[in-house]
């Protein structure tokens, strides 16, 4: 008689252990959610690292402003035409490299004057995080006045011989205001009459 209750107790323990061993039907869904959260966390970590790199480069820069496409963030620049907030948006692959839009905003809200600037781009050193000047390229951009002047200008730019993955930095520098074009004044002439 004493063996029978022990046997039942052992069977009950075995059945409860078997129930624990069964896979929870929500387990695959939980694994998927954990994987998605890990990916989001990795993206946020990469974004934070790129933003810190961009901030460091701009602290060390005495001319212009650095933008890292991976930082996806604006940077401030004190220039001769005012304090500017500069951001690189809509970065996409192009047939010859990368195309993007450079957004330049006067933080005071005043209309931006016409200006020219140099725009350099290239790769970052994977060890130091600093711009590599070996294959760096530069172009001049010209911002013309609009019919309705405003504090924000957008400039479509192309970066040749790089991909979205290898475009490490963009450097906007040497901003120079250009004088507005003088209006052409027509002068009246007196017709000459032949005698």
N, C-alpha and C. Protein backbone atom coordinates (compact mmCIF):
# COMPACT_ATOMS: atom_id res chain seq x y z
N UNK A 1 0.81 -1.19 0.00
CA UNK A 1 0.00 0.00 0.00
C UNK A 1 0.85 1.24 0.00
N UNK A 2 1.95 1.16 0.66
CA UNK A 2 2.78 2.34 0.72
C UNK A 2 3.45 2.61 -0.62
N UNK A 3 3.63 1.61 -1.46
CA UNK A 3 4.24 1.81 -2.76
C UNK A 3 3.29 2.52 -3.71
N UNK A 4 2.02 2.28 -3.60
CA UNK A 4 1.03 2.86 -4.52
C UNK A 4 0.98 4.38 -4.46
N UNK A 5 0.88 5.01 -3.28
CA UNK A 5 0.88 6.48 -3.25
C UNK A 5 2.19 7.07 -3.75
N UNK A 6 3.28 6.42 -3.49
CA UNK A 6 4.56 6.94 -4.00
C UNK A 6 4.60 6.89 -5.53
N UNK A 7 4.04 5.81 -6.07
CA UNK A 7 3.98 5.67 -7.51
C UNK A 7 3.14 6.78 -8.12
N UNK A 8 1.98 7.04 -7.50
CA UNK A 8 1.11 8.13 -8.00
C UNK A 8 1.82 9.48 -7.89
N UNK A 9 2.51 9.69 -6.84
CA UNK A 9 3.24 10.95 -6.64
C UNK A 9 4.34 11.10 -7.70
N UNK A 10 5.04 9.99 -7.99
CA UNK A 10 6.09 10.02 -9.01
C UNK A 10 5.49 10.28 -10.38
N UNK A 11 4.33 9.66 -10.69
CA UNK A 11 3.66 9.88 -11.98
C UNK A 11 3.21 11.32 -12.10
N UNK A 12 2.67 11.89 -11.05
CA UNK A 12 2.22 13.28 -11.08
C UNK A 12 3.40 14.22 -11.33
N UNK A 13 4.54 13.95 -10.70
CA UNK A 13 5.73 14.79 -10.90
C UNK A 13 6.22 14.67 -12.34
N UNK A 14 6.15 13.45 -12.89
CA UNK A 14 6.58 13.24 -14.27
C UNK A 14 5.70 13.99 -15.24
N UNK A 15 4.37 13.96 -15.03
CA UNK A 15 3.44 14.67 -15.91
C UNK A 15 3.65 16.18 -15.83
N UNK A 16 3.93 16.68 -14.65
CA UNK A 16 4.16 18.13 -14.53
C UNK A 16 5.46 18.54 -15.22
N UNK A 17 6.48 17.69 -15.13
CA UNK A 17 7.73 17.97 -15.83
C UNK A 17 7.54 17.89 -17.34
N UNK A 18 6.73 16.97 -17.79
CA UNK A 18 6.44 16.84 -19.22
C UNK A 18 5.72 18.08 -19.72
N UNK A 19 4.84 18.62 -18.90
CA UNK A 19 4.12 19.86 -19.28
C UNK A 19 5.08 21.03 -19.40
N UNK A 20 6.09 21.09 -18.54
CA UNK A 20 7.08 22.16 -18.62
C UNK A 20 7.94 22.02 -19.86
N UNK A 21 8.16 20.78 -20.27
CA UNK A 21 9.02 20.54 -21.42
C UNK A 21 8.33 20.93 -22.73
N UNK A 22 6.98 20.92 -22.73
CA UNK A 22 6.27 21.31 -23.94
C UNK A 22 6.60 22.76 -24.26
N UNK A 23 6.73 23.07 -25.56
CA UNK A 23 7.06 24.44 -25.96
C UNK A 23 5.82 25.31 -25.86
N UNK A 24 6.01 26.46 -25.30
CA UNK A 24 4.94 27.43 -25.20
C UNK A 24 4.60 27.88 -26.62
N UNK A 25 3.33 27.91 -27.03
CA UNK A 25 2.98 28.31 -28.39
C UNK A 25 3.36 29.77 -28.70
N UNK A 26 3.59 30.58 -27.69
CA UNK A 26 3.97 31.98 -27.92
C UNK A 26 5.48 32.16 -28.04
N UNK A 27 6.24 31.10 -27.84
CA UNK A 27 7.69 31.20 -27.85
C UNK A 27 8.25 31.72 -29.19
N UNK A 28 7.84 31.22 -30.36
CA UNK A 28 8.38 31.76 -31.62
C UNK A 28 8.09 33.25 -31.78
N UNK A 29 6.91 33.66 -31.38
CA UNK A 29 6.54 35.09 -31.47
C UNK A 29 7.43 35.93 -30.56
N UNK A 30 7.71 35.42 -29.36
CA UNK A 30 8.58 36.14 -28.42
C UNK A 30 10.01 36.22 -28.97
N UNK A 31 10.48 35.14 -29.59
CA UNK A 31 11.82 35.15 -30.18
C UNK A 31 11.91 36.20 -31.28
N UNK A 32 10.86 36.30 -32.10
CA UNK A 32 10.84 37.29 -33.18
C UNK A 32 10.87 38.70 -32.60
N UNK A 33 10.08 38.95 -31.56
CA UNK A 33 10.05 40.27 -30.94
C UNK A 33 11.39 40.62 -30.32
N UNK A 34 12.03 39.66 -29.68
CA UNK A 34 13.35 39.90 -29.08
C UNK A 34 14.35 40.23 -30.18
N UNK A 35 14.30 39.51 -31.30
CA UNK A 35 15.19 39.79 -32.44
C UNK A 35 14.99 41.20 -32.98
N UNK A 36 13.71 41.61 -33.11
CA UNK A 36 13.41 42.96 -33.60
C UNK A 36 13.90 44.03 -32.62
N UNK A 37 13.73 43.78 -31.34
CA UNK A 37 14.21 44.73 -30.33
C UNK A 37 15.73 44.85 -30.36
N UNK A 38 16.42 43.72 -30.56
CA UNK A 38 17.88 43.75 -30.66
C UNK A 38 18.32 44.57 -31.87
N UNK A 39 17.62 44.41 -33.01
CA UNK A 39 17.95 45.20 -34.20
C UNK A 39 17.74 46.70 -33.95
N UNK A 40 16.63 47.05 -33.31
CA UNK A 40 16.35 48.46 -33.00
C UNK A 40 17.41 49.02 -32.06
N UNK A 41 17.79 48.23 -31.07
CA UNK A 41 18.82 48.65 -30.12
C UNK A 41 20.15 48.86 -30.82
N UNK A 42 20.48 47.99 -31.78
CA UNK A 42 21.74 48.13 -32.54
C UNK A 42 21.71 49.39 -33.38
N UNK A 43 20.55 49.67 -34.02
CA UNK A 43 20.43 50.90 -34.83
C UNK A 43 20.58 52.14 -33.96
N UNK A 44 19.97 52.12 -32.78
CA UNK A 44 20.09 53.27 -31.87
C UNK A 44 21.52 53.44 -31.38
N UNK A 45 22.20 52.33 -31.13
CA UNK A 45 23.60 52.39 -30.70
C UNK A 45 24.47 52.98 -31.81
N UNK A 46 24.27 52.51 -33.05
CA UNK A 46 25.03 53.02 -34.19
C UNK A 46 24.77 54.51 -34.39
N UNK A 47 23.51 54.92 -34.24
CA UNK A 47 23.13 56.33 -34.39
C UNK A 47 23.80 57.18 -33.31
N UNK A 48 23.82 56.70 -32.08
CA UNK A 48 24.45 57.43 -30.98
C UNK A 48 25.96 57.57 -31.20
N UNK A 49 26.59 56.52 -31.70
CA UNK A 49 28.04 56.57 -31.97
C UNK A 49 28.32 57.58 -33.07
N UNK A 50 27.52 57.55 -34.15
CA UNK A 50 27.73 58.49 -35.27
C UNK A 50 27.48 59.93 -34.83
N UNK A 51 26.50 60.15 -34.00
CA UNK A 51 26.21 61.50 -33.50
C UNK A 51 27.35 62.01 -32.63
N UNK A 52 27.90 61.14 -31.81
CA UNK A 52 29.05 61.52 -30.98
C UNK A 52 30.26 61.85 -31.85
N UNK A 53 30.47 61.06 -32.91
CA UNK A 53 31.57 61.31 -33.86
C UNK A 53 31.39 62.67 -34.52
N UNK A 54 30.16 62.96 -34.98
CA UNK A 54 29.87 64.23 -35.65
C UNK A 54 30.13 65.40 -34.70
N UNK A 55 29.69 65.27 -33.47
CA UNK A 55 29.88 66.32 -32.47
C UNK A 55 31.36 66.54 -32.21
N UNK A 56 32.13 65.47 -32.10
CA UNK A 56 33.58 65.58 -31.86
C UNK A 56 34.27 66.27 -33.03
N UNK A 57 33.94 65.87 -34.27
CA UNK A 57 34.55 66.50 -35.44
C UNK A 57 34.24 67.99 -35.48
N UNK A 58 33.02 68.37 -35.14
CA UNK A 58 32.65 69.79 -35.18
C UNK A 58 33.29 70.59 -34.06
N UNK A 59 33.53 69.95 -32.92
CA UNK A 59 34.24 70.64 -31.83
C UNK A 59 35.67 70.95 -32.24
N UNK A 60 36.27 70.05 -33.01
CA UNK A 60 37.67 70.20 -33.41
C UNK A 60 37.84 71.03 -34.69
N UNK A 61 36.73 71.34 -35.36
CA UNK A 61 36.80 72.04 -36.64
C UNK A 61 36.88 73.56 -36.44
N UNK A 62 37.80 74.19 -37.16
CA UNK A 62 37.89 75.65 -37.10
C UNK A 62 37.30 76.28 -38.35
N UNK A 63 36.91 75.46 -39.31
CA UNK A 63 36.36 75.97 -40.55
C UNK A 63 35.23 75.06 -41.02
N UNK A 64 34.03 75.55 -40.98
CA UNK A 64 32.90 74.81 -41.51
C UNK A 64 32.30 73.82 -40.54
N UNK A 65 31.45 72.96 -41.09
CA UNK A 65 30.70 72.01 -40.28
C UNK A 65 30.75 70.64 -40.95
N UNK A 66 30.88 69.60 -40.12
CA UNK A 66 30.88 68.23 -40.60
C UNK A 66 29.50 67.62 -40.38
N UNK A 67 29.05 66.88 -41.38
CA UNK A 67 27.81 66.11 -41.27
C UNK A 67 28.14 64.66 -41.59
N UNK A 68 27.71 63.76 -40.72
CA UNK A 68 27.87 62.33 -40.97
C UNK A 68 26.50 61.78 -41.36
N UNK A 69 26.35 61.25 -42.57
CA UNK A 69 25.04 60.73 -42.98
C UNK A 69 24.46 59.72 -42.00
N UNK A 70 25.31 58.93 -41.34
CA UNK A 70 24.82 57.93 -40.40
C UNK A 70 24.30 58.55 -39.10
N UNK A 71 24.67 59.82 -38.83
CA UNK A 71 24.19 60.49 -37.61
C UNK A 71 22.76 60.97 -37.77
N UNK A 72 22.34 61.23 -39.02
CA UNK A 72 20.97 61.68 -39.31
C UNK A 72 20.56 62.83 -38.40
N UNK A 73 21.45 63.80 -38.26
CA UNK A 73 21.19 64.91 -37.34
C UNK A 73 21.78 66.19 -37.90
N UNK A 74 21.16 67.31 -37.54
CA UNK A 74 21.66 68.62 -37.95
C UNK A 74 22.85 69.02 -37.09
N UNK A 75 23.62 69.98 -37.60
CA UNK A 75 24.74 70.54 -36.86
C UNK A 75 24.71 72.05 -37.01
N UNK A 76 25.20 72.76 -35.99
CA UNK A 76 25.22 74.22 -36.01
C UNK A 76 26.55 74.73 -36.53
N UNK A 77 26.48 75.85 -37.26
CA UNK A 77 27.68 76.46 -37.83
C UNK A 77 27.58 77.97 -37.69
N UNK A 78 28.59 78.57 -37.06
CA UNK A 78 28.67 80.03 -37.01
C UNK A 78 29.44 80.47 -38.25
N UNK A 79 28.80 81.32 -39.06
CA UNK A 79 29.42 81.75 -40.31
C UNK A 79 29.26 83.26 -40.48
N UNK A 80 29.85 83.78 -41.55
CA UNK A 80 29.75 85.21 -41.84
C UNK A 80 28.33 85.62 -42.21
N UNK A 81 27.49 84.67 -42.56
CA UNK A 81 26.11 85.02 -42.93
C UNK A 81 25.13 84.67 -41.81
N UNK A 82 25.65 84.38 -40.61
CA UNK A 82 24.81 84.08 -39.45
C UNK A 82 25.03 82.68 -38.93
N UNK A 83 24.31 82.36 -37.85
CA UNK A 83 24.39 80.99 -37.32
C UNK A 83 23.44 80.12 -38.12
N UNK A 84 23.98 79.03 -38.65
CA UNK A 84 23.23 78.16 -39.53
C UNK A 84 23.04 76.79 -38.90
N UNK A 85 21.89 76.21 -39.20
CA UNK A 85 21.63 74.81 -38.84
C UNK A 85 21.66 74.04 -40.16
N UNK A 86 22.58 73.12 -40.29
CA UNK A 86 22.79 72.41 -41.55
C UNK A 86 22.48 70.93 -41.35
N UNK A 87 21.76 70.36 -42.32
CA UNK A 87 21.40 68.96 -42.22
C UNK A 87 21.41 68.32 -43.61
N UNK A 88 21.80 67.07 -43.65
CA UNK A 88 21.79 66.28 -44.88
C UNK A 88 20.58 65.37 -44.84
N UNK A 89 19.69 65.50 -45.82
CA UNK A 89 18.47 64.70 -45.82
C UNK A 89 18.32 63.98 -47.16
N UNK A 90 17.44 63.01 -47.18
CA UNK A 90 17.12 62.23 -48.38
C UNK A 90 18.38 61.72 -49.09
N UNK A 91 19.23 61.04 -48.35
CA UNK A 91 20.45 60.45 -48.90
C UNK A 91 20.06 59.15 -49.60
N UNK A 92 20.40 59.06 -50.92
CA UNK A 92 19.99 57.89 -51.70
C UNK A 92 21.05 57.57 -52.76
N UNK A 93 21.12 56.30 -53.18
CA UNK A 93 22.07 55.94 -54.24
C UNK A 93 21.69 56.60 -55.56
N UNK A 94 22.70 56.85 -56.37
CA UNK A 94 22.54 57.48 -57.67
C UNK A 94 23.38 56.69 -58.67
N UNK A 95 23.18 56.91 -59.95
CA UNK A 95 23.92 56.16 -60.97
C UNK A 95 25.43 56.35 -60.85
N UNK A 96 25.87 57.55 -60.43
CA UNK A 96 27.31 57.82 -60.34
C UNK A 96 27.81 57.94 -58.91
N UNK A 97 26.95 57.71 -57.94
CA UNK A 97 27.37 57.84 -56.55
C UNK A 97 26.18 57.95 -55.62
N UNK A 98 26.07 59.11 -54.97
CA UNK A 98 25.02 59.35 -53.98
C UNK A 98 24.41 60.72 -54.25
N UNK A 99 23.10 60.81 -54.11
CA UNK A 99 22.43 62.10 -54.19
C UNK A 99 21.79 62.40 -52.83
N UNK A 100 21.68 63.67 -52.51
CA UNK A 100 21.10 64.07 -51.24
C UNK A 100 20.60 65.51 -51.34
N UNK A 101 19.98 65.96 -50.28
CA UNK A 101 19.54 67.35 -50.18
C UNK A 101 20.21 67.95 -48.96
N UNK A 102 20.85 69.09 -49.17
CA UNK A 102 21.49 69.83 -48.08
C UNK A 102 20.53 70.92 -47.66
N UNK A 103 20.09 70.86 -46.41
CA UNK A 103 19.15 71.85 -45.88
C UNK A 103 19.92 72.83 -44.99
N UNK A 104 19.82 74.11 -45.32
CA UNK A 104 20.55 75.15 -44.58
C UNK A 104 19.53 76.14 -44.04
N UNK A 105 19.57 76.36 -42.74
CA UNK A 105 18.57 77.21 -42.10
C UNK A 105 19.27 78.27 -41.25
N UNK A 106 18.84 79.52 -41.41
CA UNK A 106 19.34 80.59 -40.55
C UNK A 106 18.58 80.51 -39.23
N UNK A 107 19.27 80.27 -38.12
CA UNK A 107 18.58 80.05 -36.84
C UNK A 107 17.92 81.32 -36.31
N UNK A 108 18.32 82.49 -36.81
CA UNK A 108 17.70 83.74 -36.35
C UNK A 108 16.35 83.98 -37.02
N UNK A 109 16.06 83.21 -38.07
CA UNK A 109 14.80 83.40 -38.79
C UNK A 109 14.90 84.43 -39.91
N UNK A 110 16.05 85.08 -40.03
CA UNK A 110 16.25 86.07 -41.09
C UNK A 110 16.46 85.36 -42.43
N UNK A 111 16.07 86.01 -43.54
CA UNK A 111 16.29 85.39 -44.85
C UNK A 111 17.79 85.17 -45.10
N UNK A 112 18.10 84.07 -45.73
CA UNK A 112 19.49 83.77 -46.08
C UNK A 112 19.88 84.59 -47.31
N UNK A 113 21.04 85.22 -47.27
CA UNK A 113 21.51 85.94 -48.45
C UNK A 113 22.06 84.94 -49.47
N UNK A 114 22.23 85.36 -50.71
CA UNK A 114 22.90 84.46 -51.66
C UNK A 114 24.35 84.24 -51.22
N UNK A 115 24.86 83.03 -51.44
CA UNK A 115 26.24 82.74 -51.02
C UNK A 115 26.80 81.58 -51.83
N UNK A 116 28.11 81.44 -51.74
CA UNK A 116 28.79 80.27 -52.30
C UNK A 116 29.47 79.55 -51.14
N UNK A 117 29.72 78.27 -51.32
CA UNK A 117 30.38 77.48 -50.28
C UNK A 117 31.07 76.30 -50.93
N UNK A 118 32.03 75.74 -50.21
CA UNK A 118 32.70 74.51 -50.65
C UNK A 118 32.07 73.34 -49.92
N UNK A 119 31.89 72.26 -50.65
CA UNK A 119 31.32 71.06 -50.08
C UNK A 119 32.27 69.91 -50.39
N UNK A 120 32.88 69.34 -49.34
CA UNK A 120 33.81 68.23 -49.50
C UNK A 120 33.18 66.96 -48.95
N UNK A 121 33.59 65.81 -49.48
CA UNK A 121 33.05 64.55 -48.98
C UNK A 121 34.07 63.43 -49.18
N UNK A 122 33.87 62.38 -48.42
CA UNK A 122 34.77 61.24 -48.51
C UNK A 122 34.46 60.20 -47.45
N UNK A 123 35.47 59.39 -47.14
CA UNK A 123 35.31 58.31 -46.18
C UNK A 123 35.95 58.67 -44.85
N UNK A 124 35.50 57.99 -43.81
CA UNK A 124 36.09 58.15 -42.47
C UNK A 124 37.10 57.03 -42.23
N UNK A 125 38.16 57.35 -41.51
CA UNK A 125 39.13 56.34 -41.10
C UNK A 125 38.42 55.41 -40.12
N UNK A 126 38.38 54.09 -40.39
CA UNK A 126 37.66 53.18 -39.50
C UNK A 126 38.26 53.09 -38.11
N UNK A 127 39.53 53.44 -37.96
CA UNK A 127 40.18 53.34 -36.64
C UNK A 127 40.00 54.62 -35.84
N UNK A 128 40.34 55.77 -36.44
CA UNK A 128 40.30 57.03 -35.70
C UNK A 128 38.96 57.75 -35.80
N UNK A 129 38.17 57.43 -36.84
CA UNK A 129 36.90 58.12 -37.03
C UNK A 129 37.06 59.49 -37.66
N UNK A 130 38.27 59.83 -38.10
CA UNK A 130 38.53 61.14 -38.71
C UNK A 130 38.42 61.03 -40.23
N UNK A 131 38.12 62.16 -40.90
CA UNK A 131 38.01 62.14 -42.36
C UNK A 131 39.32 61.75 -43.04
N UNK A 132 39.20 60.90 -44.05
CA UNK A 132 40.35 60.53 -44.87
C UNK A 132 40.44 61.56 -46.00
N UNK A 133 41.59 62.21 -46.12
CA UNK A 133 41.74 63.24 -47.14
C UNK A 133 42.30 62.69 -48.45
N UNK A 134 42.67 61.41 -48.47
CA UNK A 134 43.29 60.82 -49.65
C UNK A 134 42.35 60.88 -50.86
N UNK A 135 41.15 60.39 -50.73
CA UNK A 135 40.21 60.36 -51.84
C UNK A 135 39.10 61.39 -51.69
N UNK A 136 39.33 62.40 -50.88
CA UNK A 136 38.31 63.42 -50.64
C UNK A 136 38.06 64.22 -51.93
N UNK A 137 36.82 64.55 -52.17
CA UNK A 137 36.44 65.35 -53.33
C UNK A 137 35.76 66.63 -52.85
N UNK A 138 35.82 67.67 -53.68
CA UNK A 138 35.23 68.96 -53.31
C UNK A 138 34.50 69.56 -54.51
N UNK A 139 33.38 70.19 -54.22
CA UNK A 139 32.66 70.94 -55.24
C UNK A 139 32.23 72.28 -54.65
N UNK A 140 31.95 73.25 -55.50
CA UNK A 140 31.45 74.54 -55.05
C UNK A 140 29.95 74.57 -55.28
N UNK A 141 29.22 75.01 -54.27
CA UNK A 141 27.77 75.17 -54.43
C UNK A 141 27.45 76.66 -54.39
N UNK A 142 26.45 77.05 -55.16
CA UNK A 142 26.01 78.43 -55.20
C UNK A 142 24.54 78.48 -54.83
N UNK A 143 24.22 79.30 -53.85
CA UNK A 143 22.84 79.45 -53.42
C UNK A 143 22.37 80.82 -53.89
N UNK A 144 21.41 80.81 -54.78
CA UNK A 144 20.88 82.04 -55.37
C UNK A 144 19.70 82.53 -54.55
N UNK A 145 19.39 83.84 -54.66
CA UNK A 145 18.23 84.35 -53.93
C UNK A 145 16.93 83.84 -54.55
N UNK A 146 15.93 83.65 -53.72
CA UNK A 146 14.61 83.24 -54.19
C UNK A 146 13.76 84.48 -54.42
N UNK A 147 12.66 84.30 -55.16
CA UNK A 147 11.73 85.41 -55.33
C UNK A 147 11.13 85.81 -53.99
N UNK A 148 10.85 84.80 -53.16
CA UNK A 148 10.36 85.05 -51.80
C UNK A 148 11.46 84.60 -50.84
N UNK A 149 12.33 85.52 -50.39
CA UNK A 149 13.44 85.11 -49.52
C UNK A 149 12.94 84.53 -48.20
N UNK A 150 13.66 83.53 -47.73
CA UNK A 150 13.29 82.89 -46.47
C UNK A 150 14.51 82.42 -45.72
N UNK A 151 14.33 81.93 -44.49
CA UNK A 151 15.46 81.50 -43.66
C UNK A 151 15.98 80.10 -43.99
N UNK A 152 15.29 79.37 -44.87
CA UNK A 152 15.70 77.99 -45.17
C UNK A 152 15.95 77.85 -46.67
N UNK A 153 17.08 77.21 -47.01
CA UNK A 153 17.40 76.90 -48.40
C UNK A 153 17.68 75.41 -48.48
N UNK A 154 17.25 74.80 -49.56
CA UNK A 154 17.60 73.40 -49.81
C UNK A 154 18.37 73.34 -51.13
N UNK A 155 19.44 72.58 -51.11
CA UNK A 155 20.31 72.45 -52.28
C UNK A 155 20.46 70.97 -52.59
N UNK A 156 20.12 70.58 -53.82
CA UNK A 156 20.34 69.20 -54.24
C UNK A 156 21.82 69.02 -54.56
N UNK A 157 22.41 67.99 -53.99
CA UNK A 157 23.85 67.76 -54.18
C UNK A 157 24.08 66.32 -54.61
N UNK A 158 25.18 66.13 -55.35
CA UNK A 158 25.58 64.78 -55.77
C UNK A 158 27.00 64.54 -55.31
N UNK A 159 27.24 63.35 -54.78
CA UNK A 159 28.57 62.94 -54.33
C UNK A 159 29.01 61.78 -55.21
N UNK A 160 29.96 62.05 -56.10
CA UNK A 160 30.42 61.04 -57.05
C UNK A 160 31.43 60.08 -56.42
N UNK A 161 31.50 58.90 -57.01
CA UNK A 161 32.49 57.87 -56.69
C UNK A 161 32.44 57.39 -55.24
N UNK A 162 31.25 57.43 -54.64
CA UNK A 162 31.03 56.84 -53.31
C UNK A 162 29.68 56.14 -53.34
N UNK A 163 29.44 55.30 -52.36
CA UNK A 163 28.13 54.68 -52.19
C UNK A 163 27.55 55.19 -50.87
N UNK A 164 26.30 54.87 -50.63
CA UNK A 164 25.67 55.27 -49.37
C UNK A 164 26.46 54.71 -48.19
N UNK A 165 26.99 53.49 -48.35
CA UNK A 165 27.74 52.86 -47.26
C UNK A 165 29.13 53.46 -47.06
N UNK A 166 29.75 53.98 -48.15
CA UNK A 166 31.11 54.51 -48.01
C UNK A 166 31.16 56.03 -47.85
N UNK A 167 30.01 56.71 -47.97
CA UNK A 167 29.98 58.16 -47.74
C UNK A 167 30.07 58.39 -46.23
N UNK A 168 31.27 58.64 -45.76
CA UNK A 168 31.49 58.77 -44.32
C UNK A 168 31.20 60.15 -43.78
N UNK A 169 31.56 61.20 -44.56
CA UNK A 169 31.37 62.56 -44.07
C UNK A 169 31.09 63.51 -45.22
N UNK A 170 30.47 64.63 -44.87
CA UNK A 170 30.27 65.77 -45.76
C UNK A 170 30.72 66.99 -44.97
N UNK A 171 31.53 67.85 -45.58
CA UNK A 171 32.08 69.01 -44.90
C UNK A 171 31.69 70.27 -45.67
N UNK A 172 30.86 71.12 -45.07
CA UNK A 172 30.46 72.39 -45.66
C UNK A 172 31.36 73.48 -45.08
N UNK A 173 32.06 74.21 -45.95
CA UNK A 173 33.02 75.21 -45.45
C UNK A 173 33.19 76.33 -46.47
N UNK A 174 33.97 77.34 -46.09
CA UNK A 174 34.26 78.51 -46.94
C UNK A 174 32.98 79.18 -47.46
N UNK A 175 32.09 79.49 -46.55
CA UNK A 175 30.84 80.16 -46.93
C UNK A 175 31.12 81.64 -47.13
N UNK A 176 30.77 82.15 -48.31
CA UNK A 176 31.02 83.56 -48.65
C UNK A 176 29.75 84.13 -49.25
N UNK A 177 29.27 85.22 -48.65
CA UNK A 177 28.08 85.89 -49.18
C UNK A 177 28.43 86.52 -50.52
N UNK A 178 27.53 86.39 -51.47
CA UNK A 178 27.74 87.01 -52.78
C UNK A 178 26.87 88.25 -52.88
N UNK A 179 27.42 89.35 -53.40
CA UNK A 179 26.62 90.56 -53.49
C UNK A 179 25.47 90.36 -54.47
N UNK A 180 24.32 90.94 -54.16
CA UNK A 180 23.19 90.79 -55.08
C UNK A 180 23.51 91.46 -56.41
N UNK A 181 22.98 90.90 -57.47
CA UNK A 181 23.21 91.46 -58.80
C UNK A 181 22.54 92.83 -58.89
N UNK A 182 23.24 93.77 -59.49
CA UNK A 182 22.68 95.11 -59.66
C UNK A 182 21.66 95.08 -60.78
N UNK A 183 20.50 95.75 -60.57
CA UNK A 183 19.50 95.76 -61.64
C UNK A 183 20.02 96.56 -62.84
N UNK A 184 19.66 96.10 -64.00
CA UNK A 184 20.07 96.77 -65.23
C UNK A 184 19.11 97.94 -65.46
N UNK A 185 19.69 99.12 -65.60
CA UNK A 185 18.88 100.32 -65.82
C UNK A 185 19.02 100.70 -67.29
N UNK A 186 17.88 100.79 -67.94
CA UNK A 186 17.89 101.19 -69.34
C UNK A 186 18.01 102.70 -69.43
N UNK A 187 18.86 103.16 -70.32
CA UNK A 187 19.01 104.61 -70.49
C UNK A 187 18.35 105.00 -71.81
N UNK A 188 17.69 106.13 -71.75
CA UNK A 188 17.02 106.62 -72.97
C UNK A 188 18.04 107.34 -73.83
N UNK A 189 17.99 107.07 -75.10
CA UNK A 189 18.87 107.77 -76.02
C UNK A 189 18.05 108.60 -76.96
N UNK A 190 18.61 109.70 -77.31
CA UNK A 190 17.92 110.59 -78.24
C UNK A 190 18.21 110.11 -79.65
N UNK A 191 17.18 109.86 -80.41
CA UNK A 191 17.44 109.39 -81.77
C UNK A 191 18.17 110.46 -82.59
N UNK A 192 19.08 109.98 -83.37
CA UNK A 192 19.85 110.89 -84.24
C UNK A 192 19.12 111.00 -85.58
N UNK A 193 18.86 112.20 -85.96
CA UNK A 193 18.16 112.42 -87.25
C UNK A 193 19.19 112.84 -88.28
N UNK A 194 19.24 112.10 -89.35
CA UNK A 194 20.20 112.44 -90.43
C UNK A 194 19.69 113.66 -91.18
N UNK A 195 20.57 114.57 -91.51
CA UNK A 195 20.17 115.77 -92.24
C UNK A 195 20.73 115.73 -93.63
